[in-house]
Amino acid sequence: MNKKVTKTLILSLVFLMIFSTLAYAEQEKKDGYFTVVDENGKVIFQTAMMVHKGDWYINQNNKKYVVTKVNGDQAIVKYEGTVDLTTSDDLSSSISQPEALLSKEEAKKEITIYNTHSDESYVPTSGTHTEPGNGDVYNVADVFAKQLSKKGIKVIASNAKHDPHDGGAYERSRRTAKKLAQKRPDAIFDIHRDGVPDPSQYVTTIDGKKVSQVRLVVGRQNPNMKVNDKFAKQLKATADKVHPGLIKGIFYAKGKYNQDLSPRAMLLEMGTHVIPREQAKRGAVMFADAVNQLLYGGGKQQAQGAGQVNAEQDLGAFTSLLIILAVVTAGIFGYLFINEGSWEGVMNRIRRFFGQEMVNFLGFEDGIKRSNEDKDGDKNKDE
């Protein structure tokens, strides 16, 4: 392999490494669903979302499971213990604050809503699981919005369509999410429904009525995941108080789901396609109660102030920049190694660059020459 080909391969590898840190494709399962089981074969949960090794899940009872293996449509998880949402290290300072997430001065009392998957519907109600551009999820989102509005919250709900339902849907919906994020709302919600065929995965009874539970989804490839993770845990902790049993769990999935656009962006799974839409609407009404309580309602289950959220979001962005710079630096060293043939050659090249080459680059060489010429002239005059 000659040097030219090797250089091309090195540069291509660097290019791919850089963009792999920037692009996160939220894959979609074309058909079927995943059954996630523990090491003894007990079903922990099911989902039509893609499941990858390294994903994790906090269930209704706050038990944490980490995916260790994926075989076809089955994933194996390892139990890691119970998460205490109110006293864990990353939440204790925020949950215990006496203030609401936003003070009266900071709060806009504005929430935005959109639907990445425009086609998602509920079979018992609509007779189909998919209605391109006009799915039942818009109706569920509308109920959620109206319930928030009743509480004095301004809601901006986008009806933008993002069909087809494929891996590119999140890139298309990103344009919508960006427009909503530019309004700097207090929270952004992307409303979905799952695609598992067992209604018992979501249906529960609350206050004597059958209700669809809500699953929260956090994108674990989001550089600012830490703040979105806190928001998810705070939402669950609050809902567990306001409407116990409403939150199905929190799924930490591969991808970012446009959550890098806001520290309080969240993906919601409002039931699954085999339940009546009415049950999903009841769940949406109850979830609105929890959102209002957390963001504006005071009480014991509170979130961190906006200043702390923004500071941590900035830290996440800075960390991402450092990762990109590290990748670029590694690529440059690899390229120099191919050119010079040894690490000694690389170091000599760097020394030359910061020596004579840097002098030339900064334009100092002409100044040095002129200075030397002046000295020689003065010397000749003296003679």
Protein backbone atom coordinates (compact mmCIF):
# COMPACT_ATOMS: atom_id res chain seq x y z
CA MET A 1 0.00 0.00 0.00
CA ASN A 2 1.59 3.28 -1.10
CA LYS A 3 1.70 6.46 0.96
CA LYS A 4 -0.98 8.23 -1.08
CA VAL A 5 -3.53 5.47 -0.48
CA THR A 6 -2.60 5.27 3.20
CA LYS A 7 -3.02 9.04 3.60
CA THR A 8 -6.43 8.86 1.97
CA LEU A 9 -7.52 6.09 4.34
CA ILE A 10 -6.24 8.01 7.37
CA LEU A 11 -8.07 11.18 6.36
CA SER A 12 -11.26 9.21 5.68
CA LEU A 13 -11.02 7.59 9.10
CA VAL A 14 -10.55 10.96 10.78
CA PHE A 15 -13.56 12.34 8.88
CA LEU A 16 -15.74 9.43 10.00
CA MET A 17 -14.53 9.69 13.60
CA ILE A 18 -15.36 13.39 13.74
CA PHE A 19 -18.82 13.01 12.30
CA SER A 20 -19.58 9.96 14.42
CA THR A 21 -19.35 12.28 17.43
CA LEU A 22 -21.78 14.72 15.86
CA ALA A 23 -24.37 12.54 14.12
CA TYR A 24 -26.65 10.23 16.05
CA ALA A 25 -29.05 8.21 13.94
CA GLU A 26 -32.14 7.20 15.91
CA GLN A 27 -32.78 3.85 14.29
CA GLU A 28 -36.31 2.52 14.02
CA LYS A 29 -37.31 -1.12 14.10
CA LYS A 30 -39.10 -1.79 10.81
CA ASP A 31 -41.42 -4.39 12.32
CA GLY A 32 -41.86 -6.35 15.51
CA TYR A 33 -40.60 -5.37 18.94
CA PHE A 34 -38.01 -6.20 21.57
CA THR A 35 -38.63 -8.25 24.69
CA VAL A 36 -36.20 -7.32 27.43
CA VAL A 37 -35.60 -10.02 30.05
CA ASP A 38 -33.36 -10.42 33.07
CA GLU A 39 -30.75 -13.14 33.48
CA ASN A 40 -33.44 -15.54 34.73
CA GLY A 41 -35.70 -14.97 31.72
CA LYS A 42 -38.22 -12.74 33.52
CA VAL A 43 -39.73 -10.09 31.24
CA ILE A 44 -38.70 -6.60 32.41
CA PHE A 45 -40.34 -4.61 29.61
CA GLN A 46 -41.14 -4.62 25.91
CA THR A 47 -40.62 -1.87 23.36
CA ALA A 48 -40.79 -1.26 19.62
CA MET A 49 -37.84 1.11 19.91
CA MET A 50 -34.40 -0.19 19.01
CA VAL A 51 -32.53 -1.70 21.96
CA HIS A 52 -28.73 -1.72 22.09
CA LYS A 53 -26.10 -3.03 24.44
CA GLY A 54 -25.39 -0.28 26.95
CA ASP A 55 -28.97 1.02 27.09
CA TRP A 56 -30.57 1.01 30.52
CA TYR A 57 -33.99 1.14 32.09
CA ILE A 58 -35.49 2.38 35.35
CA ASN A 59 -38.80 0.61 35.88
CA GLN A 60 -41.97 1.68 37.67
CA ASN A 61 -40.48 0.67 41.02
CA ASN A 62 -37.22 2.55 40.31
CA LYS A 63 -35.20 -0.63 39.76
CA LYS A 64 -32.36 -0.09 37.31
CA TYR A 65 -31.44 -2.63 34.61
CA VAL A 66 -28.58 -2.37 32.09
CA VAL A 67 -28.66 -4.12 28.70
CA THR A 68 -25.70 -6.51 28.46
CA LYS A 69 -26.61 -8.46 25.32
CA VAL A 70 -29.00 -8.30 22.36
CA ASN A 71 -29.93 -11.49 20.49
CA GLY A 72 -32.36 -10.85 17.67
CA ASP A 73 -35.57 -9.49 19.18
CA GLN A 74 -34.54 -10.30 22.75
CA ALA A 75 -32.31 -8.25 25.02
CA ILE A 76 -30.73 -9.43 28.28
CA VAL A 77 -30.40 -7.01 31.19
CA LYS A 78 -28.52 -7.06 34.46
CA TYR A 79 -30.12 -5.70 37.62
CA GLU A 80 -28.03 -2.92 39.18
CA GLY A 81 -30.10 -1.89 42.17
CA THR A 82 -32.82 0.56 43.14
CA VAL A 83 -32.53 4.24 42.24
CA ASP A 84 -33.73 6.67 44.92
CA LEU A 85 -35.02 9.60 42.90
CA THR A 86 -35.25 11.90 45.91
CA THR A 87 -31.87 11.31 47.57
CA SER A 88 -29.47 10.14 44.85
CA ASP A 89 -26.28 12.21 44.57
CA ASP A 90 -27.20 13.88 41.30
CA LEU A 91 -30.67 14.90 42.45
CA SER A 92 -30.49 15.57 46.18
CA SER A 93 -29.59 19.24 45.80
CA SER A 94 -32.31 19.92 43.26
CA ILE A 95 -35.19 17.87 44.65
CA SER A 96 -34.80 19.33 48.14
CA GLN A 97 -34.94 22.95 47.02
CA PRO A 98 -37.95 24.88 48.38
CA GLU A 99 -38.46 26.69 45.05
CA ALA A 100 -40.17 25.41 41.93
CA LEU A 101 -38.05 24.58 38.90
CA LEU A 102 -38.58 28.14 37.71
CA SER A 103 -39.29 31.10 39.94
CA LYS A 104 -42.23 33.36 39.12
CA GLU A 105 -39.80 35.83 37.58
CA GLU A 106 -38.09 33.19 35.43
CA ALA A 107 -41.10 31.14 34.38
CA LYS A 108 -42.67 31.91 31.04
CA LYS A 109 -45.35 29.32 31.79
CA GLU A 110 -44.94 28.20 28.21
CA ILE A 111 -44.63 24.61 27.01
CA THR A 112 -44.18 23.35 23.45
CA ILE A 113 -45.37 20.06 21.96
CA TYR A 114 -44.74 18.23 18.68
CA ASN A 115 -44.96 14.73 17.18
CA THR A 116 -41.98 13.20 15.38
CA HIS A 117 -43.99 10.18 14.19
CA SER A 118 -46.97 11.75 12.48
CA ASP A 119 -48.65 8.43 11.65
CA GLU A 120 -48.89 6.69 15.03
CA SER A 121 -52.45 5.62 15.88
CA TYR A 122 -54.42 3.34 18.19
CA VAL A 123 -56.02 0.33 16.47
CA PRO A 124 -59.13 -0.09 18.71
CA THR A 125 -60.10 3.52 17.99
CA SER A 126 -59.01 4.11 14.40
CA GLY A 127 -58.92 0.57 13.02
CA THR A 128 -55.27 0.95 12.02
CA HIS A 129 -51.91 1.44 13.69
CA THR A 130 -50.75 4.00 11.15
CA GLU A 131 -52.35 7.02 9.51
CA PRO A 132 -49.62 8.95 7.64
CA GLY A 133 -49.78 12.63 8.49
CA ASN A 134 -52.88 12.26 10.65
CA GLY A 135 -52.13 9.82 13.46
CA ASP A 136 -54.08 9.61 16.72
CA VAL A 137 -51.03 10.92 18.59
CA TYR A 138 -52.02 14.42 17.46
CA ASN A 139 -55.32 13.99 19.28
CA VAL A 140 -53.54 12.79 22.43
CA ALA A 141 -51.13 15.73 22.19
CA ASP A 142 -54.13 18.07 21.84
CA VAL A 143 -55.70 16.70 25.04
CA PHE A 144 -52.37 17.13 26.85
CA ALA A 145 -52.14 20.72 25.58
CA LYS A 146 -55.71 21.58 26.62
CA GLN A 147 -55.16 20.22 30.12
CA LEU A 148 -52.04 22.35 30.50
CA SER A 149 -53.91 25.39 29.17
CA LYS A 150 -56.59 24.93 31.83
CA LYS A 151 -53.83 25.42 34.40
CA GLY A 152 -52.88 28.80 32.93
CA ILE A 153 -49.96 27.49 30.89
CA LYS A 154 -49.42 28.77 27.37
CA VAL A 155 -49.00 25.83 24.99
CA ILE A 156 -47.56 25.96 21.49
CA ALA A 157 -48.40 22.68 19.73
CA SER A 158 -46.93 22.09 16.29
CA ASN A 159 -48.95 20.06 13.79
CA ALA A 160 -45.98 19.70 11.43
CA LYS A 161 -45.75 16.35 9.65
CA HIS A 162 -42.55 14.31 9.54
CA ASP A 163 -43.50 11.23 7.51
CA PRO A 164 -42.43 8.64 6.66
CA HIS A 165 -41.98 6.72 9.89
CA ASP A 166 -38.32 5.76 9.47
CA GLY A 167 -34.84 6.43 10.83
CA GLY A 168 -34.84 9.88 9.21
CA ALA A 169 -37.97 11.07 11.02
CA TYR A 170 -36.00 12.60 13.89
CA GLU A 171 -33.83 14.56 11.48
CA ARG A 172 -36.95 15.91 9.79
CA SER A 173 -38.62 16.71 13.11
CA ARG A 174 -35.43 18.45 14.26
CA ARG A 175 -36.42 21.46 12.17
CA THR A 176 -39.69 21.61 14.10
CA ALA A 177 -37.97 21.09 17.45
CA LYS A 178 -35.45 23.86 16.69
CA LYS A 179 -38.21 26.35 15.93
CA LEU A 180 -39.93 25.46 19.19
CA ALA A 181 -36.67 25.60 21.17
CA GLN A 182 -35.98 29.10 19.83
CA LYS A 183 -39.04 30.27 21.77
CA ARG A 184 -37.18 29.21 24.93
CA PRO A 185 -40.13 27.36 26.48
CA ASP A 186 -40.03 25.87 29.95
CA ALA A 187 -40.23 22.36 28.46
CA ILE A 188 -40.54 20.58 25.10
CA PHE A 189 -42.44 17.29 24.72
CA ASP A 190 -42.35 14.92 21.74
CA ILE A 191 -45.50 12.76 21.92
CA HIS A 192 -45.40 9.12 20.70
CA ARG A 193 -47.07 5.80 21.27
CA ASP A 194 -45.27 2.44 21.49
CA GLY A 195 -45.79 -0.53 19.18
CA VAL A 196 -45.88 -3.58 21.46
CA PRO A 197 -48.86 -5.96 21.00
CA ASP A 198 -49.52 -6.62 24.70
CA PRO A 199 -51.82 -3.95 26.21
CA SER A 200 -50.86 -5.02 29.73
CA GLN A 201 -47.43 -3.51 29.09
CA TYR A 202 -49.05 -0.10 29.51
CA VAL A 203 -52.60 -0.32 30.85
CA THR A 204 -53.13 0.18 34.57
CA THR A 205 -55.96 1.30 36.86
CA ILE A 206 -55.78 4.69 38.57
CA ASP A 207 -58.69 6.11 40.57
CA GLY A 208 -60.90 3.27 39.34
CA LYS A 209 -60.30 3.96 35.62
CA LYS A 210 -58.19 2.17 33.05
CA VAL A 211 -55.37 4.49 32.08
CA SER A 212 -52.39 4.26 29.77
CA GLN A 213 -49.10 4.60 31.56
CA VAL A 214 -46.43 6.94 30.21
CA ARG A 215 -42.87 5.90 29.47
CA LEU A 216 -40.17 8.58 29.45
CA VAL A 217 -37.31 8.19 26.97
CA VAL A 218 -33.91 9.84 27.42
CA GLY A 219 -31.36 9.87 24.59
CA ARG A 220 -28.10 8.68 26.09
CA GLN A 221 -26.00 10.02 23.18
CA ASN A 222 -27.09 13.56 23.90
CA PRO A 223 -23.95 15.47 25.02
CA ASN A 224 -26.13 17.27 27.58
CA MET A 225 -27.86 14.10 28.77
CA LYS A 226 -27.16 14.84 32.43
CA VAL A 227 -29.68 17.67 32.64
CA ASN A 228 -32.33 15.81 30.61
CA ASP A 229 -31.79 12.80 32.84
CA LYS A 230 -32.47 14.96 35.90
CA PHE A 231 -35.63 16.29 34.31
CA ALA A 232 -36.86 12.75 33.60
CA LYS A 233 -36.19 11.64 37.17
CA GLN A 234 -37.87 14.73 38.54
CA LEU A 235 -40.91 14.13 36.34
CA LYS A 236 -41.17 10.55 37.57
CA ALA A 237 -40.64 11.50 41.22
CA THR A 238 -43.38 14.12 40.94
CA ALA A 239 -45.81 11.87 39.06
CA ASP A 240 -45.23 9.10 41.61
CA LYS A 241 -46.59 11.51 44.23
CA VAL A 242 -49.39 13.09 42.19
CA HIS A 243 -50.61 9.98 40.33
CA PRO A 244 -48.84 6.84 41.63
CA GLY A 245 -48.38 4.23 38.91
CA LEU A 246 -48.71 6.65 35.99
CA ILE A 247 -45.06 6.49 34.88
CA LYS A 248 -44.18 3.13 33.35
CA GLY A 249 -40.46 3.80 33.59
CA ILE A 250 -37.55 5.65 32.01
CA PHE A 251 -35.76 4.12 29.01
CA TYR A 252 -32.25 5.38 28.26
CA ALA A 253 -31.89 4.62 24.55
CA LYS A 254 -29.12 5.03 21.99
CA GLY A 255 -29.66 8.32 20.17
CA LYS A 256 -30.35 11.87 21.21
CA TYR A 257 -33.95 12.40 20.01
CA ASN A 258 -33.39 16.15 19.59
CA GLN A 259 -33.01 16.49 23.37
CA ASP A 260 -29.74 18.36 22.90
CA LEU A 261 -31.87 21.38 21.94
CA SER A 262 -33.24 21.91 25.47
CA PRO A 263 -32.38 20.75 29.00
CA ARG A 264 -36.07 20.02 29.51
CA ALA A 265 -36.84 18.17 26.28
CA MET A 266 -38.50 14.79 26.75
CA LEU A 267 -39.87 11.99 24.57
CA LEU A 268 -43.10 10.45 25.85
CA GLU A 269 -44.56 7.05 24.95
CA MET A 270 -48.30 7.42 25.58
CA GLY A 271 -49.34 3.77 25.62
CA THR A 272 -49.18 1.38 22.69
CA HIS A 273 -51.09 0.85 19.44
CA VAL A 274 -53.38 -1.91 20.76
CA ILE A 275 -55.07 0.18 23.47
CA PRO A 276 -58.04 2.55 22.96
CA ARG A 277 -57.06 6.16 22.37
CA GLU A 278 -59.26 7.17 25.30
CA GLN A 279 -56.92 5.42 27.74
CA ALA A 280 -53.95 7.33 26.31
CA LYS A 281 -55.89 10.59 26.66
CA ARG A 282 -56.55 9.86 30.34
CA GLY A 283 -52.85 9.27 30.83
CA ALA A 284 -52.09 12.57 29.09
CA VAL A 285 -54.45 14.46 31.43
CA MET A 286 -52.78 12.98 34.50
CA PHE A 287 -49.31 13.62 33.13
CA ALA A 288 -50.23 17.29 32.67
CA ASP A 289 -50.97 17.42 36.41
CA ALA A 290 -47.46 16.15 37.16
CA VAL A 291 -45.82 18.60 34.73
CA ASN A 292 -47.66 21.54 36.26
CA GLN A 293 -46.78 20.41 39.77
CA LEU A 294 -43.10 20.03 38.95
CA LEU A 295 -42.56 23.18 36.92
CA TYR A 296 -44.82 25.65 38.69
CA GLY A 297 -46.68 24.13 41.61
CA GLY A 298 -44.28 24.10 44.55
CA GLY A 299 -44.42 21.19 46.97
CA LYS A 300 -41.72 18.79 48.05
CA GLN A 301 -40.86 17.29 44.68
CA GLN A 302 -39.05 20.20 43.04
CA ALA A 303 -36.46 20.63 40.37
CA GLN A 304 -33.31 22.68 40.08
CA GLY A 305 -33.25 26.35 39.18
CA ALA A 306 -32.78 27.47 35.60
CA GLY A 307 -29.32 28.88 36.27
CA GLN A 308 -27.96 25.53 37.42
CA VAL A 309 -29.55 23.76 34.45
CA ASN A 310 -27.97 26.16 31.97
CA ALA A 311 -24.58 25.90 33.65
CA GLU A 312 -24.62 22.12 33.41
CA GLN A 313 -25.82 22.28 29.81
CA ASP A 314 -22.86 24.54 28.97
CA LEU A 315 -20.55 22.05 30.68
CA GLY A 316 -21.96 19.27 28.50
CA ALA A 317 -21.37 21.29 25.35
CA PHE A 318 -17.79 22.05 26.47
CA THR A 319 -17.18 18.33 27.06
CA SER A 320 -18.43 17.54 23.55
CA LEU A 321 -16.05 20.15 22.11
CA LEU A 322 -13.12 18.58 23.97
CA ILE A 323 -14.01 15.15 22.55
CA ILE A 324 -14.09 16.53 19.01
CA LEU A 325 -10.75 18.31 19.51
CA ALA A 326 -9.22 15.08 20.85
CA VAL A 327 -10.39 13.17 17.77
CA VAL A 328 -9.02 15.85 15.43
CA THR A 329 -5.67 15.89 17.29
CA ALA A 330 -5.40 12.10 17.05
CA GLY A 331 -6.09 12.33 13.32
CA ILE A 332 -3.40 14.98 12.82
CA PHE A 333 -0.81 12.89 14.67
CA GLY A 334 -1.77 9.85 12.58
CA TYR A 335 -1.38 11.84 9.37
CA LEU A 336 2.02 13.18 10.44
CA PHE A 337 3.19 9.68 11.38
CA ILE A 338 2.37 8.42 7.88
CA ASN A 339 4.29 11.32 6.35
CA GLU A 340 7.36 11.19 8.60
CA GLY A 341 7.57 7.42 9.10
CA SER A 342 8.42 7.56 12.82
CA TRP A 343 7.40 9.30 16.03
CA GLU A 344 10.82 10.96 16.13
CA GLY A 345 10.06 12.44 12.72
CA VAL A 346 6.67 13.62 13.96
CA MET A 347 8.23 15.41 16.94
CA ASN A 348 10.88 17.01 14.71
CA ARG A 349 8.13 18.21 12.37
CA ILE A 350 6.26 19.74 15.32
CA ARG A 351 9.43 21.42 16.58
CA ARG A 352 10.07 22.85 13.12
CA PHE A 353 6.50 24.11 12.93
CA PHE A 354 6.69 25.90 16.27
CA GLY A 355 10.15 27.11 15.35
CA GLN A 356 10.97 28.48 11.92
CA GLU A 357 7.62 27.58 10.31
CA MET A 358 5.64 29.37 13.03
CA VAL A 359 7.93 32.40 12.70
CA ASN A 360 7.21 32.47 8.97
CA PHE A 361 3.50 31.94 9.53
CA LEU A 362 3.26 34.87 11.95
CA GLY A 363 5.25 37.14 9.64
CA PHE A 364 8.14 37.59 12.05
CA GLU A 365 10.84 36.52 9.58
CA ASP A 366 10.83 39.77 7.60
CA GLY A 367 11.03 41.74 10.82
CA ILE A 368 14.00 39.69 11.98
CA LYS A 369 15.77 40.18 8.65
CA ARG A 370 15.15 43.93 8.76
CA SER A 371 16.44 44.08 12.31
CA ASN A 372 19.62 42.24 11.34
CA GLU A 373 20.09 44.48 8.29
CA ASP A 374 19.73 47.57 10.48
CA LYS A 375 22.33 46.23 12.87
CA ASP A 376 24.74 45.52 10.02
CA GLY A 377 24.17 49.03 8.65
CA ASP A 378 24.87 50.61 12.02
CA LYS A 379 28.00 48.53 12.34
CA ASN A 380 29.28 49.66 8.93
CA LYS A 381 28.65 53.30 9.86
CA ASP A 382 30.68 52.90 13.02
CA GLU A 383 33.53 51.46 11.01
